[in-house]
Amino acid sequence: MTRFSVLDLVPVNEGSSASEALGRAAAFAAHAESLGFHRYWVAEHHGMPGIASAATAVVLAHIGQATSRIRIGAGGIMLPNHAPLLIAEQFGTLAALFPGRVDLGLGRAPGSDQRVAQAMRRTLTGGPDEFPRDVMELQAYFAGDSRLGFQATPGAGEDVPLWILGSSLYGAQLAAALGLPYAFASHFAPGALDEAIAIYRRDFRPSAQLAYPYVMAGYNVFAADTVEEARLIATSMQQAFVRLRTGQPGKLQPPVPGYYESLPPQAQAMLADVLSASSIGTQADVERDLAAFIRRTQVDEIIIGGQIHDFEARKRSLEIAMAAGQAVAGRMASDSHQAAPAQ
C-alpha cells in the first residue's frame, strides 16, 4: 500500500511575515495529521525571502509541538552546510522530545547560492565531495560508536532513521551502497527519476536500518473542486519558479488568472519540465495522475508538495490529495489481491 506524506517549504506569502508562515506551518501539519498523512517533512533553504524553513530543526520542534502522531523530519538537511556532530545533536534532541517520530533526510546540495553557502560554512573544509564521509560520521554519532572517543548528547542511541535525498544518479548510488531509504526530488527535478530508481533498486545492499529498497518521490498537487480553481491556485508556484530561474526570488505571490498562458514559450516549456511530476485539477484528475505515476515508478511512498498562496485553498487541496491517494491505493490493493494466484 502506497504511503502519502507532506513536504512543506514554509512559504512566506507576499504581504505576510515569517512569523505568520511558521504559524501556518504548525496548523498545516496538524491538518495533515488529521487527514492521515504518514510524515511531514520540512526542507532546508537559505537566503530566500519566500521560504521560512532555514533553521530546519527549530521549525521541526515547532511542528512537533503542534502534532502528536505524524512522523516529522527534514526533507532535507543539506549536510555539507553543517558539521555532522551538530546535526546529530539537533536531531537527537528532536528524537528525545518526540520519540519514534523523527526522520532525517540528507542532501548534498547547498540549498542556496554560493554566496550564502560560503557565509554558512566559514572555515569548514567540507563540501559536497565529502558527503558520503559526512553521512557515515553522522551514523557513527547516532550509533554511539566508541571509536569517536565521545558521545553526541543528545544523539547517541536515538532512533533517527536516515534517508538519502537526491535529484540525480549520485544519491541513488549512495543510498543503495549504504542500504538507506531514498527520496527523489521529482517535485522540481524529475528528469532522472526513472533511471535513479532503477539504479537504487538494482544496487541496493541491505543494512541494519533497511532490509529492502524503499523509494519515496516528490509530487506536486494543486487540487480544488473545479479545474478552473485548481489551475488558478497553481499559478503562485509557477510564478515562484519563473522568478527563481530569472534571478528574482521573492515571497509567494497571489494567483494570477491566465498567468501560464501569458508566458513566452520558453518559460512555458521550463514549467512543463520542472513541474511534470504534478497534478492540477479535481479529485478525479488527481486520482488519474497519481495512479499513472505510481504504476510507472512503483514507489513505496509519495511526498506531496505544492505551494499555494491562500491557506484555506491549500488545506482543501491537501484534503483532495489524500482522498485521491486513498482511492488509488485502495483500487491498486484490490487489483493486486484479485490478480494473486489461489492458494
Protein backbone atom coordinates (compact mmCIF):
# COMPACT_ATOMS: atom_id res chain seq x y z
CA MET A 1 0.00 0.00 0.00
CA THR A 2 1.49 3.33 -1.07
CA ARG A 3 2.02 5.80 1.74
CA PHE A 4 1.36 9.52 1.40
CA SER A 5 3.27 12.30 3.15
CA VAL A 6 3.65 16.08 3.02
CA LEU A 7 6.60 18.32 2.12
CA ASP A 8 6.48 21.91 3.40
CA LEU A 9 8.86 24.73 2.48
CA VAL A 10 7.04 27.02 4.96
CA PRO A 11 6.25 29.60 2.27
CA VAL A 12 6.15 33.27 3.19
CA ASN A 13 3.32 34.91 1.28
CA GLU A 14 3.52 38.35 -0.27
CA GLY A 15 2.19 40.73 2.35
CA SER A 16 2.94 38.26 5.14
CA SER A 17 5.81 37.58 7.56
CA ALA A 18 7.97 34.63 8.58
CA SER A 19 6.14 34.57 11.90
CA GLU A 20 2.82 34.13 10.14
CA ALA A 21 4.32 31.48 7.82
CA LEU A 22 5.51 29.47 10.81
CA GLY A 23 2.09 29.72 12.41
CA ARG A 24 0.51 28.39 9.22
CA ALA A 25 3.06 25.56 9.10
CA ALA A 26 2.01 24.30 12.53
CA ALA A 27 -1.66 24.48 11.59
CA PHE A 28 -0.99 22.77 8.25
CA ALA A 29 0.94 19.96 9.94
CA ALA A 30 -1.94 19.39 12.36
CA HIS A 31 -4.31 19.31 9.39
CA ALA A 32 -2.11 16.78 7.60
CA GLU A 33 -2.07 14.62 10.73
CA SER A 34 -5.87 14.73 10.98
CA LEU A 35 -6.12 13.55 7.36
CA GLY A 36 -3.90 10.54 7.99
CA PHE A 37 -0.68 11.53 6.22
CA HIS A 38 2.31 9.40 7.25
CA ARG A 39 5.01 12.04 7.70
CA TYR A 40 5.54 15.80 7.49
CA TRP A 41 8.91 16.98 6.23
CA VAL A 42 10.42 20.46 6.14
CA ALA A 43 13.21 21.41 3.73
CA GLU A 44 16.34 23.47 4.40
CA HIS A 45 16.77 26.55 2.22
CA HIS A 46 18.79 29.69 2.89
CA GLY A 47 18.82 33.28 1.73
CA MET A 48 15.35 33.03 0.16
CA PRO A 49 12.76 35.67 1.17
CA GLY A 50 9.84 33.34 0.40
CA ILE A 51 10.94 30.32 2.49
CA ALA A 52 10.98 30.32 6.32
CA SER A 53 12.47 26.86 6.96
CA ALA A 54 16.17 27.78 7.12
CA ALA A 55 16.54 26.76 10.79
CA THR A 56 15.06 23.38 10.00
CA ALA A 57 15.50 21.67 13.38
CA VAL A 58 13.91 24.63 15.17
CA VAL A 59 10.95 24.57 12.77
CA LEU A 60 10.54 20.82 13.38
CA ALA A 61 10.40 21.39 17.14
CA HIS A 62 7.57 23.84 16.46
CA ILE A 63 5.81 21.30 14.21
CA GLY A 64 6.28 18.53 16.75
CA GLN A 65 4.57 20.55 19.45
CA ALA A 66 1.59 21.13 17.18
CA THR A 67 1.14 17.41 16.39
CA SER A 68 1.11 14.13 18.28
CA ARG A 69 1.32 11.16 15.88
CA ILE A 70 2.57 12.09 12.43
CA ARG A 71 6.26 11.50 11.73
CA ILE A 72 8.25 14.73 11.36
CA GLY A 73 11.57 15.26 9.70
CA ALA A 74 13.90 17.06 7.34
CA GLY A 75 13.50 16.65 3.64
CA GLY A 76 16.21 17.51 3.94
CA ILE A 77 19.17 18.79 5.84
CA MET A 78 21.89 19.89 3.42
CA LEU A 79 24.74 18.14 5.21
CA PRO A 80 27.66 19.98 3.52
CA ASN A 81 26.42 23.12 5.28
CA HIS A 82 26.95 21.64 8.75
CA ALA A 83 29.29 19.71 10.97
CA PRO A 84 27.73 16.24 11.33
CA LEU A 85 28.05 16.42 15.13
CA LEU A 86 25.76 19.44 15.29
CA ILE A 87 23.13 17.66 13.19
CA ALA A 88 23.40 14.58 15.42
CA GLU A 89 22.81 16.78 18.46
CA GLN A 90 19.93 18.69 16.88
CA PHE A 91 18.08 15.62 15.65
CA GLY A 92 18.99 13.67 18.77
CA THR A 93 17.27 16.44 20.72
CA LEU A 94 14.22 16.22 18.45
CA ALA A 95 14.11 12.44 18.90
CA ALA A 96 14.27 12.89 22.69
CA LEU A 97 11.40 15.38 22.51
CA PHE A 98 9.30 13.34 20.05
CA PRO A 99 10.30 9.67 20.46
CA GLY A 100 9.68 7.40 17.50
CA ARG A 101 8.58 10.25 15.23
CA VAL A 102 11.73 11.85 13.79
CA ASP A 103 13.30 11.27 10.34
CA LEU A 104 16.47 12.81 8.95
CA GLY A 105 16.73 13.19 5.18
CA LEU A 106 20.18 14.25 3.95
CA GLY A 107 21.12 16.11 0.78
CA ARG A 108 24.44 17.22 -0.68
CA ALA A 109 23.35 20.46 -2.39
CA PRO A 110 23.84 23.76 -0.51
CA GLY A 111 20.16 24.76 -0.59
CA SER A 112 21.30 28.25 -1.52
CA ASP A 113 23.66 30.09 -3.85
CA GLN A 114 27.43 30.10 -3.41
CA ARG A 115 27.50 33.39 -1.52
CA VAL A 116 25.14 32.06 1.14
CA ALA A 117 26.94 28.71 1.24
CA GLN A 118 30.23 30.49 1.93
CA ALA A 119 28.63 32.57 4.69
CA MET A 120 27.38 29.40 6.39
CA ARG A 121 30.49 27.26 6.05
CA ARG A 122 33.09 29.85 7.06
CA THR A 123 36.24 27.83 7.80
CA LEU A 124 34.69 24.38 7.35
CA THR A 125 36.79 22.40 4.90
CA GLY A 126 33.99 20.03 3.91
CA GLY A 127 31.71 20.31 0.93
CA PRO A 128 29.56 18.21 -1.38
CA ASP A 129 32.50 15.93 -2.22
CA GLU A 130 32.72 14.92 1.46
CA PHE A 131 29.05 13.95 1.61
CA PRO A 132 29.48 10.14 1.90
CA ARG A 133 32.04 10.54 4.69
CA ASP A 134 29.79 13.02 6.49
CA VAL A 135 26.82 10.62 6.29
CA MET A 136 28.87 7.79 7.81
CA GLU A 137 30.19 10.11 10.52
CA LEU A 138 26.61 11.05 11.35
CA GLN A 139 25.67 7.35 11.53
CA ALA A 140 28.53 6.82 13.98
CA TYR A 141 27.26 9.58 16.28
CA PHE A 142 23.76 8.10 16.40
CA ALA A 143 25.21 4.62 16.96
CA GLY A 144 27.35 5.86 19.86
CA ASP A 145 30.46 4.41 18.21
CA SER A 146 33.16 4.14 20.91
CA ARG A 147 35.91 4.87 18.37
CA LEU A 148 34.79 8.50 18.33
CA GLY A 149 36.08 8.96 21.87
CA PHE A 150 33.00 10.89 22.97
CA GLN A 151 29.22 10.80 22.59
CA ALA A 152 26.78 13.10 20.89
CA THR A 153 24.41 14.15 23.69
CA PRO A 154 21.56 14.12 22.85
CA GLY A 155 22.04 11.88 19.82
CA ALA A 156 23.85 8.68 20.74
CA GLY A 157 21.44 5.77 20.85
CA GLU A 158 18.48 7.74 19.50
CA ASP A 159 16.34 6.11 16.81
CA VAL A 160 16.60 8.59 13.92
CA PRO A 161 16.21 6.87 10.54
CA LEU A 162 18.49 8.40 7.91
CA TRP A 163 17.41 8.95 4.31
CA ILE A 164 19.41 9.97 1.26
CA LEU A 165 17.80 12.67 -0.88
CA GLY A 166 18.68 13.33 -4.48
CA SER A 167 17.75 14.63 -7.90
CA SER A 168 20.46 12.79 -9.83
CA LEU A 169 22.02 9.33 -10.04
CA TYR A 170 24.61 10.12 -7.35
CA GLY A 171 22.14 9.97 -4.47
CA ALA A 172 20.64 6.74 -5.79
CA GLN A 173 24.08 5.10 -5.85
CA LEU A 174 24.95 6.29 -2.34
CA ALA A 175 21.60 5.26 -0.84
CA ALA A 176 21.96 1.82 -2.42
CA ALA A 177 25.54 1.39 -1.16
CA LEU A 178 24.64 2.40 2.40
CA GLY A 179 21.35 0.49 2.48
CA LEU A 180 19.28 3.60 3.26
CA PRO A 181 15.84 4.70 2.03
CA TYR A 182 15.94 7.02 -0.97
CA ALA A 183 13.83 10.12 -1.65
CA PHE A 184 13.91 11.65 -5.12
CA ALA A 185 13.18 15.36 -5.69
CA SER A 186 10.85 14.79 -8.64
CA HIS A 187 8.63 17.64 -7.45
CA PHE A 188 11.08 20.08 -9.05
CA ALA A 189 13.76 18.00 -10.86
CA PRO A 190 12.03 14.96 -12.35
CA GLY A 191 14.39 14.30 -15.27
CA ALA A 192 16.43 11.41 -13.85
CA LEU A 193 13.68 9.85 -11.73
CA ASP A 194 13.21 6.56 -13.55
CA GLU A 195 16.90 5.85 -14.04
CA ALA A 196 17.73 6.77 -10.44
CA ILE A 197 15.06 4.43 -9.06
CA ALA A 198 16.28 1.60 -11.29
CA ILE A 199 19.90 2.05 -10.14
CA TYR A 200 18.89 2.24 -6.48
CA ARG A 201 16.83 -0.93 -6.63
CA ARG A 202 19.42 -2.83 -8.66
CA ASP A 203 22.39 -1.96 -6.44
CA PHE A 204 20.70 -1.87 -3.03
CA ARG A 205 22.63 -3.58 -0.22
CA PRO A 206 20.66 -4.45 2.95
CA SER A 207 21.77 -2.66 6.11
CA ALA A 208 20.97 -2.65 9.81
CA GLN A 209 18.40 0.07 9.10
CA LEU A 210 16.74 -1.34 5.98
CA ALA A 211 16.38 -4.84 4.55
CA TYR A 212 14.79 -3.93 1.21
CA PRO A 213 14.85 -0.88 -1.08
CA TYR A 214 12.40 1.86 -0.16
CA VAL A 215 11.68 4.77 -2.51
CA MET A 216 9.80 7.98 -1.91
CA ALA A 217 9.18 10.50 -4.71
CA GLY A 218 8.12 14.14 -4.59
CA TYR A 219 4.89 15.06 -6.37
CA ASN A 220 3.01 18.37 -6.55
CA VAL A 221 -0.76 18.55 -6.17
CA PHE A 222 -2.86 21.62 -6.88
CA ALA A 223 -6.39 20.39 -6.31
CA ALA A 224 -9.73 22.13 -5.98
CA ASP A 225 -13.42 21.48 -6.51
CA THR A 226 -13.19 22.83 -10.06
CA VAL A 227 -10.46 22.60 -12.69
CA GLU A 228 -10.53 26.38 -13.10
CA GLU A 229 -9.81 26.95 -9.41
CA ALA A 230 -7.03 24.35 -9.41
CA ARG A 231 -5.35 25.99 -12.39
CA LEU A 232 -5.62 29.36 -10.68
CA ILE A 233 -4.05 28.30 -7.37
CA ALA A 234 -1.19 26.61 -9.25
CA THR A 235 -0.08 29.96 -10.69
CA SER A 236 1.56 31.04 -7.42
CA MET A 237 4.11 28.24 -7.67
CA GLN A 238 4.50 28.82 -11.39
CA GLN A 239 5.39 32.43 -10.64
CA ALA A 240 7.86 31.30 -7.98
CA PHE A 241 9.74 29.07 -10.44
CA VAL A 242 9.84 31.73 -13.14
CA ARG A 243 11.14 34.31 -10.67
CA LEU A 244 13.74 31.88 -9.30
CA ARG A 245 15.00 30.95 -12.77
CA THR A 246 15.29 34.63 -13.73
CA GLY A 247 17.21 35.59 -10.59
CA GLN A 248 14.31 37.31 -8.85
CA PRO A 249 13.31 35.08 -5.91
CA GLY A 250 10.81 36.59 -3.52
CA LYS A 251 7.77 35.93 -1.41
CA LEU A 252 4.99 33.68 -2.69
CA GLN A 253 2.73 35.75 -4.94
CA PRO A 254 -1.08 35.68 -5.11
CA PRO A 255 -2.51 33.65 -8.01
CA VAL A 256 -2.89 35.40 -11.37
CA PRO A 257 -5.65 34.35 -13.81
CA GLY A 258 -4.20 33.32 -17.17
CA TYR A 259 -0.60 33.52 -15.91
CA TYR A 260 0.70 30.39 -17.64
CA GLU A 261 -0.92 31.34 -20.95
CA SER A 262 0.70 34.79 -20.77
CA LEU A 263 4.23 33.39 -20.59
CA PRO A 264 6.59 33.14 -23.58
CA PRO A 265 7.05 29.62 -25.00
CA GLN A 266 10.44 29.10 -23.37
CA ALA A 267 9.04 29.84 -19.90
CA GLN A 268 6.08 27.53 -20.52
CA ALA A 269 8.50 24.78 -21.58
CA MET A 270 10.58 25.29 -18.43
CA LEU A 271 7.49 24.96 -16.22
CA ALA A 272 6.26 21.92 -18.12
CA ASP A 273 9.63 20.30 -17.43
CA VAL A 274 10.19 21.13 -13.75
CA LEU A 275 6.53 20.55 -12.82
CA SER A 276 5.96 17.41 -14.88
CA ALA A 277 5.50 15.38 -11.68
CA SER A 278 2.38 17.33 -10.76
CA SER A 279 -1.38 17.13 -10.91
CA ILE A 280 -3.65 20.14 -11.38
CA GLY A 281 -7.40 19.60 -11.20
CA THR A 282 -10.24 17.96 -9.32
CA GLN A 283 -10.10 14.76 -7.30
CA ALA A 284 -10.79 12.71 -10.42
CA ASP A 285 -7.85 14.36 -12.17
CA VAL A 286 -5.54 13.76 -9.21
CA GLU A 287 -6.62 10.12 -8.96
CA ARG A 288 -5.84 9.59 -12.65
CA ASP A 289 -2.45 11.29 -12.44
CA LEU A 290 -1.37 9.65 -9.17
CA ALA A 291 -2.35 6.21 -10.45
CA ALA A 292 -0.28 6.70 -13.60
CA PHE A 293 2.71 7.97 -11.59
CA ILE A 294 2.58 5.04 -9.13
CA ARG A 295 2.19 2.47 -11.91
CA ARG A 296 5.18 3.97 -13.72
CA THR A 297 7.53 4.27 -10.75
CA GLN A 298 6.26 1.65 -8.27
CA VAL A 299 7.32 3.99 -5.47
CA ASP A 300 6.62 2.99 -1.89
CA GLU A 301 5.67 6.50 -0.82
CA ILE A 302 4.71 9.82 -2.36
CA ILE A 303 5.51 13.08 -0.59
CA ILE A 304 3.15 15.82 -1.71
CA GLY A 305 4.29 19.39 -2.24
CA GLY A 306 2.86 22.41 -3.98
CA GLN A 307 2.99 25.99 -2.71
CA ILE A 308 -0.45 27.61 -2.63
CA HIS A 309 -0.97 31.23 -1.57
CA ASP A 310 -4.40 31.02 0.07
CA PHE A 311 -4.25 28.92 3.24
CA GLU A 312 -7.81 27.61 3.04
CA ALA A 313 -7.26 26.62 -0.60
CA ARG A 314 -4.04 24.91 0.45
CA LYS A 315 -5.83 22.89 3.12
CA ARG A 316 -8.58 21.95 0.68
CA SER A 317 -6.00 20.84 -1.87
CA LEU A 318 -4.42 18.58 0.74
CA GLU A 319 -7.81 17.08 1.62
CA ILE A 320 -8.47 16.27 -2.03
CA ALA A 321 -4.95 14.88 -2.46
CA MET A 322 -5.41 12.45 0.42
CA ALA A 323 -8.86 11.38 -0.75
CA ALA A 324 -7.43 10.75 -4.22
CA GLY A 325 -4.44 8.89 -2.82
CA GLN A 326 -6.57 6.63 -0.65
CA ALA A 327 -8.85 5.86 -3.58
CA VAL A 328 -5.90 4.97 -5.81
CA ALA A 329 -4.18 2.87 -3.15
CA GLY A 330 -7.43 1.04 -2.42
CA ARG A 331 -8.01 0.20 -6.08
CA MET A 332 -4.44 -0.97 -6.54
CA ALA A 333 -4.61 -3.16 -3.44
CA SER A 334 -7.87 -4.67 -4.70
CA ASP A 335 -6.40 -5.28 -8.15
CA SER A 336 -3.33 -6.91 -6.62
CA HIS A 337 -5.47 -9.18 -4.46
CA GLN A 338 -7.61 -10.25 -7.41
CA ALA A 339 -4.52 -10.93 -9.51
CA ALA A 340 -2.88 -13.12 -6.84
CA PRO A 341 -2.98 -16.86 -7.54
CA ALA A 342 -5.26 -19.01 -5.41
CA GLN A 343 -3.52 -20.83 -2.54
